[in-house]
């Protein structure tokens, strides 16, 4: 990951996009503070997947079987 200021990012955007396409991540700063991140398209998909997993984990923590056994539920109706 590289960090560049907003002026440098504006001046060298094409070069930065080439680096991002090659797999690097670029953080753009303004007055020394990070304000944006350039990531490749494939990285966005990974972020979406990670977000979906986190939402599922949170849902799982809130979901209970109200005292029922998951094994009993699994075996219900089996011969």
N, C-alpha and C. Protein backbone atom coordinates (compact mmCIF):
# COMPACT_ATOMS: atom_id res chain seq x y z
N UNK A 1 0.85 -1.18 0.00
CA UNK A 1 0.00 0.00 0.00
C UNK A 1 0.90 1.24 0.00
N UNK A 2 0.51 2.20 -0.81
CA UNK A 2 1.25 3.46 -0.84
C UNK A 2 0.31 4.59 -0.43
N UNK A 3 0.88 5.65 0.06
CA UNK A 3 0.12 6.82 0.48
C UNK A 3 0.62 8.02 -0.29
N UNK A 4 -0.32 8.78 -0.86
CA UNK A 4 0.04 9.99 -1.61
C UNK A 4 -0.89 11.12 -1.22
N UNK A 5 -0.40 12.32 -1.35
CA UNK A 5 -1.22 13.50 -1.11
C UNK A 5 -2.16 13.74 -2.27
N UNK A 6 -3.18 14.54 -2.03
CA UNK A 6 -4.19 14.78 -3.05
C UNK A 6 -3.60 15.45 -4.29
N UNK A 7 -2.67 16.37 -4.14
CA UNK A 7 -2.06 17.03 -5.29
C UNK A 7 -1.30 16.02 -6.14
N UNK A 8 -0.49 15.18 -5.48
CA UNK A 8 0.26 14.15 -6.20
C UNK A 8 -0.69 13.16 -6.89
N UNK A 9 -1.78 12.81 -6.21
CA UNK A 9 -2.75 11.89 -6.80
C UNK A 9 -3.37 12.48 -8.06
N UNK A 10 -3.70 13.77 -7.99
CA UNK A 10 -4.28 14.43 -9.15
C UNK A 10 -3.27 14.49 -10.29
N UNK A 11 -2.05 14.78 -9.97
CA UNK A 11 -1.01 14.93 -10.98
C UNK A 11 -0.64 13.59 -11.62
N UNK A 12 -0.68 12.52 -10.84
CA UNK A 12 -0.21 11.22 -11.32
C UNK A 12 -1.32 10.16 -11.32
N UNK A 13 -2.54 10.58 -11.55
CA UNK A 13 -3.67 9.65 -11.47
C UNK A 13 -3.51 8.45 -12.40
N UNK A 14 -3.10 8.67 -13.61
CA UNK A 14 -2.95 7.58 -14.57
C UNK A 14 -1.96 6.54 -14.07
N UNK A 15 -0.84 6.99 -13.55
CA UNK A 15 0.18 6.08 -13.02
C UNK A 15 -0.36 5.33 -11.80
N UNK A 16 -1.08 6.04 -10.94
CA UNK A 16 -1.64 5.39 -9.76
C UNK A 16 -2.66 4.33 -10.16
N UNK A 17 -3.46 4.61 -11.17
CA UNK A 17 -4.44 3.63 -11.64
C UNK A 17 -3.74 2.39 -12.20
N UNK A 18 -2.63 2.57 -12.87
CA UNK A 18 -1.86 1.42 -13.36
C UNK A 18 -1.37 0.57 -12.19
N UNK A 19 -0.91 1.22 -11.14
CA UNK A 19 -0.43 0.49 -9.97
C UNK A 19 -1.57 -0.24 -9.27
N UNK A 20 -2.73 0.39 -9.20
CA UNK A 20 -3.90 -0.25 -8.59
C UNK A 20 -4.31 -1.46 -9.44
N UNK A 21 -4.29 -1.32 -10.74
CA UNK A 21 -4.63 -2.44 -11.63
C UNK A 21 -3.66 -3.60 -11.44
N UNK A 22 -2.43 -3.30 -11.05
CA UNK A 22 -1.43 -4.33 -10.82
C UNK A 22 -1.55 -4.95 -9.42
N UNK A 23 -2.52 -4.47 -8.62
CA UNK A 23 -2.76 -5.08 -7.32
C UNK A 23 -2.41 -4.25 -6.11
N UNK A 24 -1.84 -3.07 -6.32
CA UNK A 24 -1.51 -2.22 -5.18
C UNK A 24 -2.73 -1.46 -4.69
N UNK A 25 -2.64 -0.98 -3.49
CA UNK A 25 -3.69 -0.15 -2.91
C UNK A 25 -3.08 1.23 -2.66
N UNK A 26 -3.84 2.27 -2.95
CA UNK A 26 -3.34 3.64 -2.80
C UNK A 26 -4.26 4.39 -1.84
N UNK A 27 -3.68 4.97 -0.81
CA UNK A 27 -4.43 5.82 0.12
C UNK A 27 -4.10 7.27 -0.23
N UNK A 28 -5.14 8.07 -0.39
CA UNK A 28 -4.96 9.48 -0.73
C UNK A 28 -5.23 10.30 0.53
N UNK A 29 -4.30 11.20 0.82
CA UNK A 29 -4.42 12.03 2.02
C UNK A 29 -4.64 13.49 1.66
N UNK A 30 -5.27 14.19 2.57
CA UNK A 30 -5.45 15.63 2.44
C UNK A 30 -5.03 16.23 3.77
N UNK A 31 -4.04 17.09 3.73
CA UNK A 31 -3.47 17.67 4.94
C UNK A 31 -3.01 16.59 5.91
N UNK A 32 -2.47 15.50 5.34
CA UNK A 32 -1.91 14.43 6.15
C UNK A 32 -2.92 13.41 6.66
N UNK A 33 -4.19 13.62 6.39
CA UNK A 33 -5.22 12.68 6.86
C UNK A 33 -5.75 11.85 5.70
N UNK A 34 -5.90 10.54 5.89
CA UNK A 34 -6.46 9.70 4.82
C UNK A 34 -7.90 10.11 4.52
N UNK A 35 -8.21 10.30 3.24
CA UNK A 35 -9.57 10.68 2.84
C UNK A 35 -10.16 9.73 1.81
N UNK A 36 -9.32 8.95 1.13
CA UNK A 36 -9.84 8.04 0.11
C UNK A 36 -8.86 6.89 -0.09
N UNK A 37 -9.39 5.82 -0.66
CA UNK A 37 -8.56 4.67 -0.96
C UNK A 37 -8.90 4.17 -2.36
N UNK A 38 -7.87 3.96 -3.17
CA UNK A 38 -8.05 3.39 -4.50
C UNK A 38 -7.71 1.90 -4.40
N UNK A 39 -8.68 1.07 -4.78
CA UNK A 39 -8.45 -0.37 -4.80
C UNK A 39 -8.94 -0.92 -6.13
N UNK A 40 -8.39 -2.03 -6.53
CA UNK A 40 -8.80 -2.65 -7.78
C UNK A 40 -10.22 -3.19 -7.68
N UNK A 41 -10.82 -3.41 -8.81
CA UNK A 41 -12.19 -3.91 -8.88
C UNK A 41 -12.34 -5.22 -8.12
N UNK A 42 -11.36 -6.12 -8.22
CA UNK A 42 -11.44 -7.39 -7.53
C UNK A 42 -11.46 -7.20 -6.02
N UNK A 43 -10.83 -6.15 -5.51
CA UNK A 43 -10.83 -5.88 -4.08
C UNK A 43 -12.23 -5.51 -3.59
N UNK A 44 -12.98 -4.82 -4.41
CA UNK A 44 -14.33 -4.42 -4.01
C UNK A 44 -15.18 -5.66 -3.76
N UNK A 45 -15.05 -6.67 -4.61
CA UNK A 45 -15.80 -7.90 -4.41
C UNK A 45 -15.42 -8.56 -3.10
N UNK A 46 -14.15 -8.55 -2.75
CA UNK A 46 -13.71 -9.16 -1.50
C UNK A 46 -14.29 -8.39 -0.31
N UNK A 47 -14.35 -7.08 -0.41
CA UNK A 47 -14.94 -6.28 0.66
C UNK A 47 -16.41 -6.63 0.83
N UNK A 48 -17.12 -6.76 -0.28
CA UNK A 48 -18.55 -7.13 -0.21
C UNK A 48 -18.73 -8.49 0.43
N UNK A 49 -17.88 -9.44 0.08
CA UNK A 49 -17.97 -10.78 0.68
C UNK A 49 -17.72 -10.70 2.17
N UNK A 50 -16.68 -9.98 2.58
CA UNK A 50 -16.38 -9.85 4.00
C UNK A 50 -17.52 -9.18 4.75
N UNK A 51 -18.12 -8.15 4.15
CA UNK A 51 -19.26 -7.49 4.78
C UNK A 51 -20.43 -8.46 4.94
N UNK A 52 -20.68 -9.27 3.94
CA UNK A 52 -21.77 -10.25 4.01
C UNK A 52 -21.51 -11.25 5.13
N UNK A 53 -20.28 -11.74 5.26
CA UNK A 53 -19.96 -12.67 6.34
C UNK A 53 -20.16 -12.03 7.71
N UNK A 54 -19.76 -10.78 7.86
CA UNK A 54 -19.93 -10.10 9.14
C UNK A 54 -21.42 -9.96 9.49
N UNK A 55 -22.24 -9.66 8.48
CA UNK A 55 -23.67 -9.55 8.73
C UNK A 55 -24.26 -10.89 9.12
N UNK A 56 -23.80 -11.97 8.48
CA UNK A 56 -24.28 -13.30 8.85
C UNK A 56 -23.84 -13.69 10.26
N UNK A 57 -22.62 -13.34 10.63
CA UNK A 57 -22.15 -13.63 11.99
C UNK A 57 -23.00 -12.88 13.02
N UNK A 58 -23.30 -11.63 12.74
CA UNK A 58 -24.13 -10.85 13.67
C UNK A 58 -25.53 -11.44 13.76
N UNK A 59 -26.09 -11.86 12.64
CA UNK A 59 -27.41 -12.49 12.65
C UNK A 59 -27.39 -13.79 13.45
N UNK A 60 -26.35 -14.55 13.28
CA UNK A 60 -26.22 -15.81 14.01
C UNK A 60 -26.18 -15.58 15.52
N UNK A 61 -25.50 -14.55 15.95
CA UNK A 61 -25.41 -14.27 17.39
C UNK A 61 -26.77 -13.88 17.97
N UNK A 62 -27.63 -13.27 17.15
CA UNK A 62 -28.94 -12.82 17.63
C UNK A 62 -30.00 -13.91 17.51
N UNK A 63 -29.71 -14.98 16.77
CA UNK A 63 -30.70 -16.02 16.51
C UNK A 63 -30.52 -17.18 17.48
N UNK A 64 -31.61 -17.56 18.14
CA UNK A 64 -31.56 -18.70 19.06
C UNK A 64 -32.61 -19.72 18.65
N UNK A 65 -32.49 -20.90 19.21
CA UNK A 65 -33.45 -21.97 18.96
C UNK A 65 -34.46 -22.08 20.09
N UNK A 66 -34.46 -21.12 20.97
CA UNK A 66 -35.40 -21.07 22.10
C UNK A 66 -35.39 -22.37 22.89
N UNK A 67 -34.21 -22.88 23.18
CA UNK A 67 -34.09 -24.08 24.01
C UNK A 67 -34.16 -25.38 23.25
N UNK A 68 -34.43 -25.36 21.97
CA UNK A 68 -34.49 -26.58 21.19
C UNK A 68 -33.08 -27.03 20.82
N UNK A 69 -32.92 -28.32 20.63
CA UNK A 69 -31.64 -28.87 20.23
C UNK A 69 -31.56 -28.90 18.71
N UNK A 70 -30.45 -28.44 18.15
CA UNK A 70 -30.33 -28.47 16.70
C UNK A 70 -30.28 -29.90 16.20
N UNK A 71 -29.77 -30.83 17.03
CA UNK A 71 -29.74 -32.24 16.63
C UNK A 71 -31.15 -32.81 16.55
N UNK A 72 -32.00 -32.43 17.49
CA UNK A 72 -33.39 -32.88 17.46
C UNK A 72 -34.09 -32.32 16.22
N UNK A 73 -33.84 -31.07 15.91
CA UNK A 73 -34.44 -30.47 14.72
C UNK A 73 -33.93 -31.16 13.46
N UNK A 74 -32.64 -31.47 13.44
CA UNK A 74 -32.06 -32.16 12.28
C UNK A 74 -32.69 -33.54 12.09
N UNK A 75 -32.86 -34.24 13.21
CA UNK A 75 -33.34 -35.63 13.14
C UNK A 75 -34.86 -35.74 13.02
N UNK A 76 -35.55 -34.64 13.23
CA UNK A 76 -37.01 -34.70 13.17
C UNK A 76 -37.47 -35.16 11.79
N UNK A 77 -38.34 -36.15 11.78
CA UNK A 77 -38.88 -36.66 10.54
C UNK A 77 -38.00 -37.68 9.83
N UNK A 78 -36.82 -37.95 10.40
CA UNK A 78 -35.96 -38.97 9.79
C UNK A 78 -36.44 -40.35 10.24
N UNK A 79 -36.35 -41.34 9.35
CA UNK A 79 -36.78 -42.69 9.75
C UNK A 79 -35.82 -43.34 10.72
